[in-house]
Amino acid sequence: MNIEAITFDFWNTLAVDSAPVEVREMAAKRMTRLLEEAGFMVDFENMMKAFDQCRQHCYFCQEVKGIDFTPREQLDWIMDYFEIRPEPGLWNGLFDAYTTTILEVPPVFVEGLEGILKELAARFKLALICNTGRTPGWVVRKVLSRQGFERYFNTLIFSNEVGVAKPNPYIFEIAARVLEVQPDKTLHVGDSLITDVAGASGAGFRAGWYNPTRIDKKVECDVVLWDFSDILKIQ
């Protein structure tokens, strides 16, 4: 394939949320408690409804419009949902409660990831291209750093930091520019057919579909990875 660089998606590619419902509920409970302590009566069930609607809007912005709906914008959206205008100190506490729960309930990384990254880093330039959703880049960086994985990447690119999101070709172009590698010499690997496969192809990258559940579907891409370790076969 004559590849010089590989970029990776994060969620559901390098790592999966170990307890997605628990993590969202933890954030919602923390926020509800903070608001109640400040005199705002917001119940847990409505907070979870606000989370769900905000998440759907986030996906729409990213997948359809190609722009990021940042965690800060998400918190403002949720506060507008409840018609609450928190003072700065409360807002900062709510933001921390909303965005940092995976530091306490960390994601589970793909088996053997460190060894795979170490071998790949000796052969290719590596980058992460992550649509951040509720979890901002600095939190994902901390999770990667705790595991010692950050050192294997030449650059980490997060949608909330650059303002655009996969499948927008611009976020891929940023990666190619930073890596100093031509798009057609770069393979992007991810699980999403919209944001990763179609996004990478639209930016002129080679596209790798990570399909660990072995979905039986014909997909236009350069390579299908049934097991993550298959990436070691890439030349």
Protein backbone atom coordinates (compact mmCIF):
# COMPACT_ATOMS: atom_id res chain seq x y z
CA MET A 1 0.00 0.00 0.00
CA ASN A 2 3.09 2.23 0.28
CA ILE A 3 1.98 4.01 3.48
CA GLU A 4 4.13 6.49 5.39
CA ALA A 5 1.68 7.46 8.16
CA ILE A 6 -1.30 6.01 9.98
CA THR A 7 -3.98 8.03 11.75
CA PHE A 8 -6.44 6.50 14.18
CA ASP A 9 -9.89 7.20 15.49
CA PHE A 10 -10.09 6.94 19.29
CA TRP A 11 -13.56 5.89 20.45
CA ASN A 12 -14.52 2.33 19.47
CA THR A 13 -11.20 1.94 17.67
CA LEU A 14 -8.34 2.36 20.12
CA ALA A 15 -10.66 2.25 23.13
CA VAL A 16 -14.25 1.54 24.11
CA ASP A 17 -16.24 3.14 26.88
CA SER A 18 -16.10 0.62 29.71
CA ALA A 19 -19.42 1.70 31.24
CA PRO A 20 -21.17 4.25 28.99
CA VAL A 21 -24.41 4.39 30.97
CA GLU A 22 -22.61 4.58 34.31
CA VAL A 23 -20.33 7.37 33.08
CA ARG A 24 -23.24 9.48 31.78
CA GLU A 25 -25.24 8.88 34.95
CA MET A 26 -22.26 9.86 37.10
CA ALA A 27 -21.93 13.16 35.22
CA ALA A 28 -25.68 13.81 35.38
CA LYS A 29 -25.83 13.14 39.12
CA ARG A 30 -22.88 15.41 39.80
CA MET A 31 -24.41 18.23 37.79
CA THR A 32 -27.83 17.76 39.39
CA ARG A 33 -26.28 17.91 42.85
CA LEU A 34 -24.29 21.05 42.05
CA LEU A 35 -27.38 22.79 40.69
CA GLU A 36 -29.49 21.77 43.68
CA GLU A 37 -26.84 23.09 46.06
CA ALA A 38 -27.00 26.39 44.17
CA GLY A 39 -30.79 26.53 44.53
CA PHE A 40 -31.84 25.20 41.10
CA MET A 41 -34.31 22.32 41.19
CA VAL A 42 -33.34 19.97 38.36
CA ASP A 43 -34.15 16.26 38.67
CA PHE A 44 -31.91 13.47 37.45
CA GLU A 45 -34.35 12.11 34.84
CA ASN A 46 -34.63 15.48 33.09
CA MET A 47 -30.87 15.88 33.20
CA MET A 48 -30.49 12.55 31.41
CA LYS A 49 -33.03 13.67 28.80
CA ALA A 50 -31.03 16.85 28.26
CA PHE A 51 -27.86 14.76 27.88
CA ASP A 52 -29.49 12.58 25.23
CA GLN A 53 -30.84 15.50 23.20
CA CYS A 54 -27.53 17.35 23.45
CA ARG A 55 -25.66 14.25 22.27
CA GLN A 56 -27.93 13.91 19.23
CA HIS A 57 -27.31 17.55 18.34
CA CYS A 58 -23.57 16.97 18.74
CA TYR A 59 -23.69 14.02 16.31
CA PHE A 60 -25.67 16.10 13.82
CA CYS A 61 -23.13 18.92 13.94
CA GLN A 62 -20.22 16.55 13.47
CA GLU A 63 -21.56 14.01 10.98
CA VAL A 64 -23.79 16.26 8.87
CA LYS A 65 -22.25 19.73 9.15
CA GLY A 66 -18.63 18.71 9.79
CA ILE A 67 -18.22 21.19 12.62
CA ASP A 68 -17.59 20.55 16.27
CA PHE A 69 -20.15 21.13 18.99
CA THR A 70 -17.62 21.59 21.75
CA PRO A 71 -18.07 20.43 25.36
CA ARG A 72 -18.34 24.10 26.39
CA GLU A 73 -21.10 24.66 23.85
CA GLN A 74 -22.77 21.48 25.03
CA LEU A 75 -22.86 22.67 28.63
CA ASP A 76 -24.30 26.03 27.54
CA TRP A 77 -26.93 24.13 25.52
CA ILE A 78 -27.88 22.04 28.56
CA MET A 79 -28.13 25.12 30.75
CA ASP A 80 -30.35 26.79 28.12
CA TYR A 81 -32.49 23.63 28.14
CA PHE A 82 -33.19 24.29 31.83
CA GLU A 83 -33.25 28.09 31.40
CA ILE A 84 -30.43 28.43 33.93
CA ARG A 85 -27.69 31.06 33.82
CA PRO A 86 -25.03 29.79 36.23
CA GLU A 87 -22.48 32.19 37.66
CA PRO A 88 -18.86 31.52 36.58
CA GLY A 89 -17.87 29.47 39.61
CA LEU A 90 -20.87 27.18 39.27
CA TRP A 91 -20.39 26.92 35.50
CA ASN A 92 -16.79 25.78 35.99
CA GLY A 93 -17.89 23.14 38.48
CA LEU A 94 -20.59 21.91 36.10
CA PHE A 95 -18.11 21.75 33.23
CA ASP A 96 -15.73 19.64 35.29
CA ALA A 97 -18.58 17.33 36.31
CA TYR A 98 -19.73 17.03 32.71
CA THR A 99 -16.41 16.30 31.04
CA THR A 100 -14.08 14.38 33.35
CA THR A 101 -15.92 11.22 34.44
CA ILE A 102 -13.78 8.92 32.26
CA LEU A 103 -10.86 9.81 34.47
CA GLU A 104 -12.63 7.84 37.20
CA VAL A 105 -14.19 5.19 34.95
CA PRO A 106 -11.53 4.93 32.21
CA PRO A 107 -12.14 3.33 28.83
CA VAL A 108 -10.83 -0.12 27.94
CA PHE A 109 -8.08 -0.10 25.32
CA VAL A 110 -7.83 -2.65 22.55
CA GLU A 111 -5.88 -5.74 23.58
CA GLY A 112 -2.15 -5.50 23.04
CA LEU A 113 -2.31 -1.84 22.04
CA GLU A 114 1.04 -0.78 23.48
CA GLY A 115 2.97 -3.43 21.61
CA ILE A 116 1.13 -2.65 18.39
CA LEU A 117 1.75 1.09 18.69
CA LYS A 118 5.40 0.54 19.54
CA GLU A 119 5.93 -1.58 16.43
CA LEU A 120 3.98 0.81 14.20
CA ALA A 121 5.81 3.87 15.53
CA ALA A 122 9.09 2.33 14.40
CA ARG A 123 7.75 2.10 10.83
CA PHE A 124 5.26 4.96 10.38
CA LYS A 125 4.34 8.39 11.62
CA LEU A 126 1.28 8.06 13.85
CA ALA A 127 -1.53 10.46 14.72
CA LEU A 128 -4.88 10.48 16.47
CA ILE A 129 -7.89 12.20 14.90
CA CYS A 130 -10.67 12.25 17.49
CA ASN A 131 -14.21 13.63 17.46
CA THR A 132 -14.38 14.53 21.11
CA GLY A 133 -18.08 14.62 21.95
CA ARG A 134 -18.56 15.22 25.68
CA THR A 135 -14.92 14.49 26.53
CA PRO A 136 -12.48 17.28 25.53
CA GLY A 137 -9.02 16.68 24.17
CA TRP A 138 -7.17 17.41 27.40
CA VAL A 139 -9.07 14.60 29.15
CA VAL A 140 -8.33 12.07 26.40
CA ARG A 141 -4.67 13.14 26.50
CA LYS A 142 -4.58 12.44 30.22
CA VAL A 143 -6.12 9.00 29.71
CA LEU A 144 -3.56 8.19 26.99
CA SER A 145 -0.71 9.53 29.11
CA ARG A 146 -1.69 7.41 32.10
CA GLN A 147 -1.28 4.32 29.94
CA GLY A 148 1.96 5.52 28.37
CA PHE A 149 0.39 5.57 24.89
CA GLU A 150 0.75 9.27 24.12
CA ARG A 151 4.48 8.93 23.41
CA TYR A 152 3.87 6.81 20.32
CA PHE A 153 1.95 9.54 18.46
CA ASN A 154 3.52 12.33 16.47
CA THR A 155 0.41 14.44 17.01
CA LEU A 156 -3.02 14.27 18.66
CA ILE A 157 -5.83 16.17 16.96
CA PHE A 158 -9.15 16.76 18.70
CA SER A 159 -12.26 18.24 17.12
CA ASN A 160 -13.01 20.53 20.06
CA GLU A 161 -9.56 22.11 19.68
CA VAL A 162 -9.60 22.68 15.90
CA GLY A 163 -13.32 23.50 15.51
CA VAL A 164 -14.03 20.96 12.77
CA ALA A 165 -14.93 17.30 13.04
CA LYS A 166 -14.73 14.15 10.97
CA PRO A 167 -15.93 13.64 8.23
CA ASN A 168 -14.93 17.23 7.37
CA PRO A 169 -11.82 16.83 5.16
CA TYR A 170 -10.16 19.78 6.86
CA ILE A 171 -9.45 17.85 10.05
CA PHE A 172 -7.68 15.19 7.98
CA GLU A 173 -5.78 17.89 6.10
CA ILE A 174 -4.56 19.26 9.43
CA ALA A 175 -3.16 15.84 10.30
CA ALA A 176 -1.42 15.44 6.93
CA ARG A 177 0.09 18.91 7.22
CA VAL A 178 1.39 18.35 10.75
CA LEU A 179 2.75 14.91 9.86
CA GLU A 180 4.27 16.30 6.65
CA VAL A 181 2.94 13.33 4.68
CA GLN A 182 0.80 13.39 1.54
CA PRO A 183 -2.82 12.29 2.09
CA ASP A 184 -2.52 9.35 -0.34
CA LYS A 185 0.43 8.09 1.71
CA THR A 186 -1.66 8.15 4.89
CA LEU A 187 -4.01 5.44 6.12
CA HIS A 188 -6.81 6.40 8.50
CA VAL A 189 -8.28 3.61 10.63
CA GLY A 190 -11.62 3.86 12.40
CA ASP A 191 -14.90 2.10 13.06
CA SER A 192 -17.38 4.66 11.68
CA LEU A 193 -18.38 4.36 8.05
CA ILE A 194 -19.42 8.02 8.05
CA THR A 195 -16.79 9.88 10.01
CA ASP A 196 -13.81 7.59 9.47
CA VAL A 197 -14.16 5.67 6.20
CA ALA A 198 -16.09 8.21 4.14
CA GLY A 199 -14.29 11.09 5.85
CA ALA A 200 -10.84 9.71 5.11
CA SER A 201 -11.69 8.87 1.50
CA GLY A 202 -13.15 12.34 0.97
CA ALA A 203 -9.89 13.87 2.17
CA GLY A 204 -7.77 11.76 -0.17
CA PHE A 205 -6.54 9.44 2.59
CA ARG A 206 -6.44 5.69 2.35
CA ALA A 207 -9.34 4.35 4.42
CA GLY A 208 -9.22 1.41 6.82
CA TRP A 209 -12.45 0.12 8.34
CA TYR A 210 -12.00 -1.40 11.79
CA ASN A 211 -14.79 -3.98 11.97
CA PRO A 212 -14.22 -6.17 15.05
CA THR A 213 -17.86 -7.32 15.17
CA ARG A 214 -17.47 -8.62 11.60
CA ILE A 215 -20.46 -6.84 10.14
CA ASP A 216 -21.26 -8.47 6.81
CA LYS A 217 -21.37 -5.40 4.60
CA LYS A 218 -19.64 -4.38 1.40
CA VAL A 219 -17.78 -1.14 2.06
CA GLU A 220 -15.61 0.89 -0.29
CA CYS A 221 -12.33 1.20 1.56
CA ASP A 222 -8.70 0.22 1.15
CA VAL A 223 -8.55 -2.35 3.92
CA VAL A 224 -10.88 -4.02 6.43
CA LEU A 225 -9.44 -4.90 9.83
CA TRP A 226 -11.29 -7.71 11.60
CA ASP A 227 -8.78 -7.70 14.43
CA PHE A 228 -6.84 -4.61 15.47
CA SER A 229 -3.55 -6.48 15.24
CA ASP A 230 -4.18 -6.84 11.50
CA ILE A 231 -2.81 -3.29 11.22
CA LEU A 232 0.68 -4.79 11.65
CA LYS A 233 0.36 -6.33 8.19
CA ILE A 234 0.15 -2.91 6.54
CA GLN A 235 3.14 -1.99 4.39
